[in-house]
Full PDB file with SEQRES, HELIX, SHEET, SSBOND, CRYST1, ORIGX, SCALE, CONECT and MASTER records, all heavy atoms in Angstrom:
SEQRES   1 A   39  GLU THR LEU HIS GLY ALA VAL ALA LEU VAL ASP GLU ALA          
SEQRES   2 A   39  SER PHE GLY GLU LYS ALA LYS LEU ASN ALA VAL PHE THR          
SEQRES   3 A   39  GLY LEU GLU HIS LEU ARG SER LEU GLY PRO ALA ALA ILE          
HELIX    1 AA1 GLU A   12  PHE A   15  1                                   4    
HELIX    2 AA2 LEU A   21  SER A   33  1                                  13    
CRYST1    1.000    1.000    1.000  90.00  90.00  90.00 P 1           1          
ORIGX1      1.000000  0.000000  0.000000        0.00000                         
ORIGX2      0.000000  1.000000  0.000000        0.00000                         
ORIGX3      0.000000  0.000000  1.000000        0.00000                         
SCALE1      1.000000  0.000000  0.000000        0.00000                         
SCALE2      0.000000  1.000000  0.000000        0.00000                         
SCALE3      0.000000  0.000000  1.000000        0.00000                         
ATOM      1  N   GLU A   1       0.832  -1.206   0.000  1.00  0.00           N  
ATOM      2  CA  GLU A   1       0.000   0.000   0.000  1.00  0.00           C  
ATOM      3  C   GLU A   1       0.864   1.252   0.000  1.00  0.00           C  
ATOM      4  O   GLU A   1       0.528   2.243  -0.655  1.00  0.00           O  
ATOM      5  CB  GLU A   1      -0.939  -0.005   1.208  1.00  0.00           C  
ATOM      6  CG  GLU A   1      -1.909  -1.169   1.233  1.00  0.00           C  
ATOM      7  CD  GLU A   1      -2.836  -1.181   0.028  1.00  0.00           C  
ATOM      8  OE1 GLU A   1      -3.169  -0.090  -0.481  1.00  0.00           O  
ATOM      9  OE2 GLU A   1      -3.237  -2.279  -0.405  1.00  0.00           O  
ATOM     10  N   THR A   2       1.958   1.227   0.734  1.00  0.00           N  
ATOM     11  CA  THR A   2       2.831   2.401   0.796  1.00  0.00           C  
ATOM     12  C   THR A   2       3.779   2.477  -0.398  1.00  0.00           C  
ATOM     13  O   THR A   2       4.230   3.565  -0.772  1.00  0.00           O  
ATOM     14  CB  THR A   2       3.651   2.402   2.090  1.00  0.00           C  
ATOM     15  OG1 THR A   2       4.392   1.179   2.180  1.00  0.00           O  
ATOM     16  CG2 THR A   2       2.739   2.526   3.297  1.00  0.00           C  
ATOM     17  N   LEU A   3       4.082   1.327  -1.009  1.00  0.00           N  
ATOM     18  CA  LEU A   3       5.016   1.325  -2.134  1.00  0.00           C  
ATOM     19  C   LEU A   3       4.381   1.820  -3.429  1.00  0.00           C  
ATOM     20  O   LEU A   3       5.059   2.433  -4.263  1.00  0.00           O  
ATOM     21  CB  LEU A   3       5.570  -0.085  -2.353  1.00  0.00           C  
ATOM     22  CG  LEU A   3       6.654  -0.538  -1.371  1.00  0.00           C  
ATOM     23  CD1 LEU A   3       6.922  -2.026  -1.510  1.00  0.00           C  
ATOM     24  CD2 LEU A   3       7.934   0.269  -1.597  1.00  0.00           C  
ATOM     25  N   HIS A   4       3.093   1.589  -3.623  1.00  0.00           N  
ATOM     26  CA  HIS A   4       2.445   1.980  -4.878  1.00  0.00           C  
ATOM     27  C   HIS A   4       2.532   3.499  -5.066  1.00  0.00           C  
ATOM     28  O   HIS A   4       2.083   4.270  -4.218  1.00  0.00           O  
ATOM     29  CB  HIS A   4       0.987   1.540  -4.894  1.00  0.00           C  
ATOM     30  CG  HIS A   4       0.319   1.821  -6.212  1.00  0.00           C  
ATOM     31  ND1 HIS A   4       0.510   1.022  -7.317  1.00  0.00           N  
ATOM     32  CD2 HIS A   4      -0.502   2.827  -6.605  1.00  0.00           C  
ATOM     33  CE1 HIS A   4      -0.176   1.514  -8.333  1.00  0.00           C  
ATOM     34  NE2 HIS A   4      -0.813   2.606  -7.925  1.00  0.00           N  
ATOM     35  N   GLY A   5       3.163   3.908  -6.181  1.00  0.00           N  
ATOM     36  CA  GLY A   5       3.293   5.321  -6.498  1.00  0.00           C  
ATOM     37  C   GLY A   5       4.403   6.037  -5.761  1.00  0.00           C  
ATOM     38  O   GLY A   5       4.641   7.232  -5.993  1.00  0.00           O  
ATOM     39  N   ALA A   6       5.105   5.334  -4.874  1.00  0.00           N  
ATOM     40  CA  ALA A   6       6.180   5.952  -4.099  1.00  0.00           C  
ATOM     41  C   ALA A   6       7.531   5.715  -4.775  1.00  0.00           C  
ATOM     42  O   ALA A   6       7.647   5.007  -5.779  1.00  0.00           O  
ATOM     43  CB  ALA A   6       6.187   5.389  -2.684  1.00  0.00           C  
ATOM     44  N   VAL A   7       8.578   6.309  -4.201  1.00  0.00           N  
ATOM     45  CA  VAL A   7       9.949   6.055  -4.639  1.00  0.00           C  
ATOM     46  C   VAL A   7      10.536   5.017  -3.693  1.00  0.00           C  
ATOM     47  O   VAL A   7      10.766   5.297  -2.511  1.00  0.00           O  
ATOM     48  CB  VAL A   7      10.779   7.348  -4.626  1.00  0.00           C  
ATOM     49  CG1 VAL A   7      12.233   7.052  -5.002  1.00  0.00           C  
ATOM     50  CG2 VAL A   7      10.186   8.381  -5.576  1.00  0.00           C  
ATOM     51  N   ALA A   8      10.742   3.802  -4.189  1.00  0.00           N  
ATOM     52  CA  ALA A   8      11.219   2.694  -3.359  1.00  0.00           C  
ATOM     53  C   ALA A   8      12.733   2.779  -3.206  1.00  0.00           C  
ATOM     54  O   ALA A   8      13.468   2.888  -4.192  1.00  0.00           O  
ATOM     55  CB  ALA A   8      10.831   1.360  -3.983  1.00  0.00           C  
ATOM     56  N   LEU A   9      13.196   2.730  -1.978  1.00  0.00           N  
ATOM     57  CA  LEU A   9      14.624   2.780  -1.677  1.00  0.00           C  
ATOM     58  C   LEU A   9      15.070   1.398  -1.201  1.00  0.00           C  
ATOM     59  O   LEU A   9      14.564   0.875  -0.209  1.00  0.00           O  
ATOM     60  CB  LEU A   9      14.896   3.820  -0.590  1.00  0.00           C  
ATOM     61  CG  LEU A   9      16.339   3.913  -0.070  1.00  0.00           C  
ATOM     62  CD1 LEU A   9      17.293   4.333  -1.192  1.00  0.00           C  
ATOM     63  CD2 LEU A   9      16.421   4.877   1.109  1.00  0.00           C  
ATOM     64  N   VAL A  10      16.017   0.811  -1.920  1.00  0.00           N  
ATOM     65  CA  VAL A  10      16.514  -0.528  -1.635  1.00  0.00           C  
ATOM     66  C   VAL A  10      18.010  -0.444  -1.385  1.00  0.00           C  
ATOM     67  O   VAL A  10      18.737   0.246  -2.112  1.00  0.00           O  
ATOM     68  CB  VAL A  10      16.246  -1.475  -2.819  1.00  0.00           C  
ATOM     69  CG1 VAL A  10      16.768  -2.873  -2.534  1.00  0.00           C  
ATOM     70  CG2 VAL A  10      14.754  -1.540  -3.125  1.00  0.00           C  
ATOM     71  N   ASP A  11      18.501  -1.132  -0.359  1.00  0.00           N  
ATOM     72  CA  ASP A  11      19.945  -1.194  -0.127  1.00  0.00           C  
ATOM     73  C   ASP A  11      20.350  -2.615   0.230  1.00  0.00           C  
ATOM     74  O   ASP A  11      19.535  -3.554   0.155  1.00  0.00           O  
ATOM     75  CB  ASP A  11      20.383  -0.169   0.925  1.00  0.00           C  
ATOM     76  CG  ASP A  11      19.889  -0.514   2.330  1.00  0.00           C  
ATOM     77  OD1 ASP A  11      19.123  -1.497   2.485  1.00  0.00           O  
ATOM     78  OD2 ASP A  11      20.262   0.205   3.273  1.00  0.00           O  
ATOM     79  N   GLU A  12      21.601  -2.794   0.642  1.00  0.00           N  
ATOM     80  CA  GLU A  12      22.118  -4.130   0.915  1.00  0.00           C  
ATOM     81  C   GLU A  12      21.294  -4.861   1.970  1.00  0.00           C  
ATOM     82  O   GLU A  12      20.988  -6.054   1.850  1.00  0.00           O  
ATOM     83  CB  GLU A  12      23.582  -4.044   1.380  1.00  0.00           C  
ATOM     84  CG  GLU A  12      24.548  -3.598   0.304  1.00  0.00           C  
ATOM     85  CD  GLU A  12      24.780  -2.097   0.311  1.00  0.00           C  
ATOM     86  OE1 GLU A  12      23.863  -1.373   0.764  1.00  0.00           O  
ATOM     87  OE2 GLU A  12      25.849  -1.656  -0.135  1.00  0.00           O  
ATOM     88  N   ALA A  13      20.893  -4.126   3.011  1.00  0.00           N  
ATOM     89  CA  ALA A  13      20.143  -4.759   4.095  1.00  0.00           C  
ATOM     90  C   ALA A  13      18.791  -5.272   3.626  1.00  0.00           C  
ATOM     91  O   ALA A  13      18.235  -6.197   4.232  1.00  0.00           O  
ATOM     92  CB  ALA A  13      19.963  -3.759   5.242  1.00  0.00           C  
ATOM     93  N   SER A  14      18.255  -4.698   2.551  1.00  0.00           N  
ATOM     94  CA  SER A  14      16.948  -5.136   2.046  1.00  0.00           C  
ATOM     95  C   SER A  14      16.982  -6.588   1.590  1.00  0.00           C  
ATOM     96  O   SER A  14      15.942  -7.258   1.554  1.00  0.00           O  
ATOM     97  CB  SER A  14      16.509  -4.260   0.873  1.00  0.00           C  
ATOM     98  OG  SER A  14      16.516  -2.887   1.203  1.00  0.00           O  
ATOM     99  N   PHE A  15      18.160  -7.094   1.227  1.00  0.00           N  
ATOM    100  CA  PHE A  15      18.282  -8.438   0.670  1.00  0.00           C  
ATOM    101  C   PHE A  15      18.693  -9.471   1.711  1.00  0.00           C  
ATOM    102  O   PHE A  15      18.635 -10.668   1.443  1.00  0.00           O  
ATOM    103  CB  PHE A  15      19.276  -8.439  -0.485  1.00  0.00           C  
ATOM    104  CG  PHE A  15      18.811  -7.647  -1.667  1.00  0.00           C  
ATOM    105  CD1 PHE A  15      19.056  -6.292  -1.747  1.00  0.00           C  
ATOM    106  CD2 PHE A  15      18.107  -8.251  -2.692  1.00  0.00           C  
ATOM    107  CE1 PHE A  15      18.617  -5.557  -2.836  1.00  0.00           C  
ATOM    108  CE2 PHE A  15      17.665  -7.525  -3.782  1.00  0.00           C  
ATOM    109  CZ  PHE A  15      17.926  -6.169  -3.854  1.00  0.00           C  
ATOM    110  N   GLY A  16      19.108  -9.022   2.873  1.00  0.00           N  
ATOM    111  CA  GLY A  16      19.546  -9.961   3.892  1.00  0.00           C  
ATOM    112  C   GLY A  16      20.934 -10.500   3.598  1.00  0.00           C  
ATOM    113  O   GLY A  16      21.530 -10.214   2.553  1.00  0.00           O  
ATOM    114  N   GLU A  17      21.444 -11.289   4.522  1.00  0.00           N  
ATOM    115  CA  GLU A  17      22.793 -11.831   4.370  1.00  0.00           C  
ATOM    116  C   GLU A  17      22.809 -13.010   3.401  1.00  0.00           C  
ATOM    117  O   GLU A  17      21.907 -13.848   3.407  1.00  0.00           O  
ATOM    118  CB  GLU A  17      23.333 -12.283   5.730  1.00  0.00           C  
ATOM    119  CG  GLU A  17      23.567 -11.131   6.707  1.00  0.00           C  
ATOM    120  CD  GLU A  17      24.195 -11.600   7.992  1.00  0.00           C  
ATOM    121  OE1 GLU A  17      24.581 -12.800   8.061  1.00  0.00           O  
ATOM    122  OE2 GLU A  17      24.295 -10.793   8.931  1.00  0.00           O  
ATOM    123  N   LYS A  18      23.832 -13.050   2.585  1.00  0.00           N  
ATOM    124  CA  LYS A  18      24.088 -14.169   1.676  1.00  0.00           C  
ATOM    125  C   LYS A  18      22.874 -14.494   0.814  1.00  0.00           C  
ATOM    126  O   LYS A  18      22.489 -15.655   0.642  1.00  0.00           O  
ATOM    127  CB  LYS A  18      24.542 -15.408   2.462  1.00  0.00           C  
ATOM    128  CG  LYS A  18      25.857 -15.198   3.199  1.00  0.00           C  
ATOM    129  CD  LYS A  18      26.326 -16.454   3.896  1.00  0.00           C  
ATOM    130  CE  LYS A  18      27.657 -16.221   4.600  1.00  0.00           C  
ATOM    131  NZ  LYS A  18      28.147 -17.430   5.301  1.00  0.00           N  
ATOM    132  N   ALA A  19      22.255 -13.451   0.270  1.00  0.00           N  
ATOM    133  CA  ALA A  19      21.106 -13.655  -0.603  1.00  0.00           C  
ATOM    134  C   ALA A  19      21.534 -14.368  -1.875  1.00  0.00           C  
ATOM    135  O   ALA A  19      22.610 -14.125  -2.412  1.00  0.00           O  
ATOM    136  CB  ALA A  19      20.478 -12.313  -0.952  1.00  0.00           C  
ATOM    137  N   LYS A  20      20.689 -15.255  -2.361  1.00  0.00           N  
ATOM    138  CA  LYS A  20      20.962 -15.978  -3.602  1.00  0.00           C  
ATOM    139  C   LYS A  20      20.551 -15.129  -4.800  1.00  0.00           C  
ATOM    140  O   LYS A  20      19.654 -14.286  -4.727  1.00  0.00           O  
ATOM    141  CB  LYS A  20      20.196 -17.301  -3.618  1.00  0.00           C  
ATOM    142  CG  LYS A  20      20.642 -18.303  -2.556  1.00  0.00           C  
ATOM    143  CD  LYS A  20      22.006 -18.873  -2.875  1.00  0.00           C  
ATOM    144  CE  LYS A  20      22.377 -19.990  -1.914  1.00  0.00           C  
ATOM    145  NZ  LYS A  20      23.687 -20.567  -2.243  1.00  0.00           N  
ATOM    146  N   LEU A  21      21.202 -15.399  -5.919  1.00  0.00           N  
ATOM    147  CA  LEU A  21      20.932 -14.656  -7.144  1.00  0.00           C  
ATOM    148  C   LEU A  21      19.454 -14.683  -7.496  1.00  0.00           C  
ATOM    149  O   LEU A  21      18.859 -13.656  -7.829  1.00  0.00           O  
ATOM    150  CB  LEU A  21      21.758 -15.259  -8.285  1.00  0.00           C  
ATOM    151  CG  LEU A  21      21.555 -14.684  -9.678  1.00  0.00           C  
ATOM    152  CD1 LEU A  21      22.071 -13.267  -9.736  1.00  0.00           C  
ATOM    153  CD2 LEU A  21      22.265 -15.549 -10.705  1.00  0.00           C  
ATOM    154  N   ASN A  22      18.852 -15.859  -7.426  1.00  0.00           N  
ATOM    155  CA  ASN A  22      17.442 -15.954  -7.788  1.00  0.00           C  
ATOM    156  C   ASN A  22      16.568 -15.138  -6.847  1.00  0.00           C  
ATOM    157  O   ASN A  22      15.578 -14.527  -7.266  1.00  0.00           O  
ATOM    158  CB  ASN A  22      16.986 -17.413  -7.806  1.00  0.00           C  
ATOM    159  CG  ASN A  22      17.285 -18.138  -6.517  1.00  0.00           C  
ATOM    160  OD1 ASN A  22      18.436 -18.173  -6.078  1.00  0.00           O  
ATOM    161  ND2 ASN A  22      16.274 -18.719  -5.892  1.00  0.00           N  
ATOM    162  N   ALA A  23      16.926 -15.090  -5.552  1.00  0.00           N  
ATOM    163  CA  ALA A  23      16.146 -14.308  -4.591  1.00  0.00           C  
ATOM    164  C   ALA A  23      16.262 -12.818  -4.879  1.00  0.00           C  
ATOM    165  O   ALA A  23      15.280 -12.067  -4.762  1.00  0.00           O  
ATOM    166  CB  ALA A  23      16.616 -14.614  -3.172  1.00  0.00           C  
ATOM    167  N   VAL A  24      17.457 -12.365  -5.268  1.00  0.00           N  
ATOM    168  CA  VAL A  24      17.659 -10.952  -5.580  1.00  0.00           C  
ATOM    169  C   VAL A  24      16.769 -10.523  -6.741  1.00  0.00           C  
ATOM    170  O   VAL A  24      16.014  -9.541  -6.653  1.00  0.00           O  
ATOM    171  CB  VAL A  24      19.140 -10.681  -5.909  1.00  0.00           C  
ATOM    172  CG1 VAL A  24      19.322  -9.268  -6.461  1.00  0.00           C  
ATOM    173  CG2 VAL A  24      19.999 -10.883  -4.671  1.00  0.00           C  
ATOM    174  N   PHE A  25      16.829 -11.264  -7.836  1.00  0.00           N  
ATOM    175  CA  PHE A  25      16.089 -10.834  -9.018  1.00  0.00           C  
ATOM    176  C   PHE A  25      14.597 -11.126  -8.912  1.00  0.00           C  
ATOM    177  O   PHE A  25      13.777 -10.368  -9.432  1.00  0.00           O  
ATOM    178  CB  PHE A  25      16.705 -11.452 -10.266  1.00  0.00           C  
ATOM    179  CG  PHE A  25      18.000 -10.791 -10.643  1.00  0.00           C  
ATOM    180  CD1 PHE A  25      19.214 -11.348 -10.275  1.00  0.00           C  
ATOM    181  CD2 PHE A  25      18.012  -9.588 -11.310  1.00  0.00           C  
ATOM    182  CE1 PHE A  25      20.406 -10.723 -10.596  1.00  0.00           C  
ATOM    183  CE2 PHE A  25      19.197  -8.951 -11.633  1.00  0.00           C  
ATOM    184  CZ  PHE A  25      20.399  -9.526 -11.273  1.00  0.00           C  
ATOM    185  N   THR A  26      14.230 -12.179  -8.205  1.00  0.00           N  
ATOM    186  CA  THR A  26      12.811 -12.411  -7.954  1.00  0.00           C  
ATOM    187  C   THR A  26      12.234 -11.289  -7.105  1.00  0.00           C  
ATOM    188  O   THR A  26      11.117 -10.798  -7.356  1.00  0.00           O  
ATOM    189  CB  THR A  26      12.596 -13.766  -7.254  1.00  0.00           C  
ATOM    190  OG1 THR A  26      13.052 -14.812  -8.121  1.00  0.00           O  
ATOM    191  CG2 THR A  26      11.130 -13.992  -6.919  1.00  0.00           C  
ATOM    192  N   GLY A  27      12.992 -10.863  -6.108  1.00  0.00           N  
ATOM    193  CA  GLY A  27      12.537  -9.761  -5.277  1.00  0.00           C  
ATOM    194  C   GLY A  27      12.378  -8.473  -6.052  1.00  0.00           C  
ATOM    195  O   GLY A  27      11.382  -7.750  -5.892  1.00  0.00           O  
ATOM    196  N   LEU A  28      13.336  -8.171  -6.915  1.00  0.00           N  
ATOM    197  CA  LEU A  28      13.232  -6.956  -7.727  1.00  0.00           C  
ATOM    198  C   LEU A  28      12.035  -7.027  -8.673  1.00  0.00           C  
ATOM    199  O   LEU A  28      11.318  -6.035  -8.860  1.00  0.00           O  
ATOM    200  CB  LEU A  28      14.525  -6.748  -8.508  1.00  0.00           C  
ATOM    201  CG  LEU A  28      15.743  -6.314  -7.687  1.00  0.00           C  
ATOM    202  CD1 LEU A  28      17.007  -6.354  -8.537  1.00  0.00           C  
ATOM    203  CD2 LEU A  28      15.542  -4.914  -7.112  1.00  0.00           C  
ATOM    204  N   GLU A  29      11.816  -8.189  -9.267  1.00  0.00           N  
ATOM    205  CA  GLU A  29      10.657  -8.346 -10.146  1.00  0.00           C  
ATOM    206  C   GLU A  29       9.355  -8.110  -9.378  1.00  0.00           C  
ATOM    207  O   GLU A  29       8.435  -7.439  -9.870  1.00  0.00           O  
ATOM    208  CB  GLU A  29      10.646  -9.748 -10.764  1.00  0.00           C  
ATOM    209  CG  GLU A  29      11.703  -9.971 -11.827  1.00  0.00           C  
ATOM    210  CD  GLU A  29      11.697 -11.399 -12.354  1.00  0.00           C  
ATOM    211  OE1 GLU A  29      10.880 -12.209 -11.849  1.00  0.00           O  
ATOM    212  OE2 GLU A  29      12.486 -11.703 -13.253  1.00  0.00           O  
ATOM    213  N   HIS A  30       9.272  -8.646  -8.172  1.00  0.00           N  
ATOM    214  CA  HIS A  30       8.044  -8.481  -7.392  1.00  0.00           C  
ATOM    215  C   HIS A  30       7.861  -7.027  -6.966  1.00  0.00           C  
ATOM    216  O   HIS A  30       6.732  -6.508  -6.973  1.00  0.00           O  
ATOM    217  CB  HIS A  30       8.072  -9.395  -6.171  1.00  0.00           C  
ATOM    218  CG  HIS A  30       6.738  -9.553  -5.525  1.00  0.00           C  
ATOM    219  ND1 HIS A  30       5.705 -10.252  -6.108  1.00  0.00           N  
ATOM    220  CD2 HIS A  30       6.242  -9.072  -4.351  1.00  0.00           C  
ATOM    221  CE1 HIS A  30       4.638 -10.215  -5.322  1.00  0.00           C  
ATOM    222  NE2 HIS A  30       4.941  -9.499  -4.249  1.00  0.00           N  
ATOM    223  N   LEU A  31       8.959  -6.378  -6.606  1.00  0.00           N  
ATOM    224  CA  LEU A  31       8.885  -4.963  -6.249  1.00  0.00           C  
ATOM    225  C   LEU A  31       8.321  -4.148  -7.402  1.00  0.00           C  
ATOM    226  O   LEU A  31       7.435  -3.299  -7.212  1.00  0.00           O  
ATOM    227  CB  LEU A  31      10.274  -4.462  -5.850  1.00  0.00           C  
ATOM    228  CG  LEU A  31      10.414  -2.955  -5.602  1.00  0.00           C  
ATOM    229  CD1 LEU A  31       9.467  -2.475  -4.501  1.00  0.00           C  
ATOM    230  CD2 LEU A  31      11.867  -2.611  -5.260  1.00  0.00           C  
ATOM    231  N   ARG A  32       8.803  -4.393  -8.601  1.00  0.00           N  
ATOM    232  CA  ARG A  32       8.296  -3.639  -9.759  1.00  0.00           C  
ATOM    233  C   ARG A  32       6.801  -3.881  -9.962  1.00  0.00           C  
ATOM    234  O   ARG A  32       6.070  -2.978 -10.370  1.00  0.00           O  
ATOM    235  CB  ARG A  32       9.074  -4.044 -11.006  1.00  0.00           C  
ATOM    236  CG  ARG A  32      10.550  -3.654 -10.981  1.00  0.00           C  
ATOM    237  CD  ARG A  32      11.257  -4.043 -12.268  1.00  0.00           C  
ATOM    238  NE  ARG A  32      12.693  -3.814 -12.176  1.00  0.00           N  
ATOM    239  CZ  ARG A  32      13.619  -4.761 -12.147  1.00  0.00           C  
ATOM    240  NH1 ARG A  32      13.267  -6.046 -12.199  1.00  0.00           N  
ATOM    241  NH2 ARG A  32      14.898  -4.449 -12.065  1.00  0.00           N  
ATOM    242  N   SER A  33       6.350  -5.097  -9.691  1.00  0.00           N  
ATOM    243  CA  SER A  33       4.943  -5.418  -9.907  1.00  0.00           C  
ATOM    244  C   SER A  33       4.010  -4.651  -8.977  1.00  0.00           C  
ATOM    245  O   SER A  33       2.805  -4.555  -9.238  1.00  0.00           O  
ATOM    246  CB  SER A  33       4.705  -6.923  -9.738  1.00  0.00           C  
ATOM    247  OG  SER A  33       4.725  -7.300  -8.362  1.00  0.00           O  
ATOM    248  N   LEU A  34       4.544  -4.087  -7.904  1.00  0.00           N  
ATOM    249  CA  LEU A  34       3.722  -3.360  -6.947  1.00  0.00           C  
ATOM    250  C   LEU A  34       3.542  -1.892  -7.326  1.00  0.00           C  
ATOM    251  O   LEU A  34       2.871  -1.148  -6.610  1.00  0.00           O  
ATOM    252  CB  LEU A  34       4.330  -3.469  -5.541  1.00  0.00           C  
ATOM    253  CG  LEU A  34       4.444  -4.902  -4.995  1.00  0.00           C  
ATOM    254  CD1 LEU A  34       5.081  -4.904  -3.612  1.00  0.00           C  
ATOM    255  CD2 LEU A  34       3.086  -5.585  -4.959  1.00  0.00           C  
ATOM    256  N   GLY A  35       4.151  -1.478  -8.436  1.00  0.00           N  
ATOM    257  CA  GLY A  35       3.871  -0.167  -8.997  1.00  0.00           C  
ATOM    258  C   GLY A  35       4.486   1.038  -8.333  1.00  0.00           C  
ATOM    259  O   GLY A  35       3.846   2.104  -8.275  1.00  0.00           O  
ATOM    260  N   PRO A  36       5.733   0.949  -7.848  1.00  0.00           N  
ATOM    261  CA  PRO A  36       6.355   2.187  -7.377  1.00  0.00           C  
ATOM    262  C   PRO A  36       6.615   3.133  -8.550  1.00  0.00           C  
ATOM    263  O   PRO A  36       6.707   2.694  -9.704  1.00  0.00           O  
ATOM    264  CB  PRO A  36       7.666   1.709  -6.747  1.00  0.00           C  
ATOM    265  CG  PRO A  36       7.983   0.435  -7.456  1.00  0.00           C  
ATOM    266  CD  PRO A  36       6.661  -0.205  -7.761  1.00  0.00           C  
ATOM    267  N   ALA A  37       6.720   4.406  -8.257  1.00  0.00           N  
ATOM    268  CA  ALA A  37       7.014   5.375  -9.316  1.00  0.00           C  
ATOM    269  C   ALA A  37       8.442   5.224  -9.821  1.00  0.00           C  
ATOM    270  O   ALA A  37       8.733   5.506 -10.986  1.00  0.00           O  
ATOM    271  CB  ALA A  37       6.787   6.791  -8.796  1.00  0.00           C  
ATOM    272  N   ALA A  38       9.342   4.784  -8.941  1.00  0.00           N  
ATOM    273  CA  ALA A  38      10.749   4.620  -9.302  1.00  0.00           C  
ATOM    274  C   ALA A  38      11.423   3.792  -8.213  1.00  0.00           C  
ATOM    275  O   ALA A  38      10.856   3.583  -7.130  1.00  0.00           O  
ATOM    276  CB  ALA A  38      11.441   5.975  -9.433  1.00  0.00           C  
ATOM    277  N   ILE A  39      12.611   3.310  -8.530  1.00  0.00           N  
ATOM    278  CA  ILE A  39      13.406   2.553  -7.562  1.00  0.00           C  
ATOM    279  C   ILE A  39      14.770   3.229  -7.438  1.00  0.00           C  
ATOM    280  O   ILE A  39      15.401   3.565  -8.450  1.00  0.00           O  
ATOM    281  CB  ILE A  39      13.584   1.089  -8.004  1.00  0.00           C  
ATOM    282  CG1 ILE A  39      12.223   0.398  -8.105  1.00  0.00           C  
ATOM    283  CG2 ILE A  39      14.486   0.333  -7.031  1.00  0.00           C  
ATOM    284  CD1 ILE A  39      12.287  -1.007  -8.673  1.00  0.00           C  
TER     285      ILE A  39                                                      
MASTER        0    0    0    2    0    0    0    6  284    1    0    3          
END                                                                             
């Protein structure tokens, strides 16, 4: 609800420790699907 139309700020901590490649890109894909104005 807060991400839609907002400017999403993502940093290293957003991914957690030792994140896997698939988790990183799956997460980014899902973030985009929620409709932020920008990342």
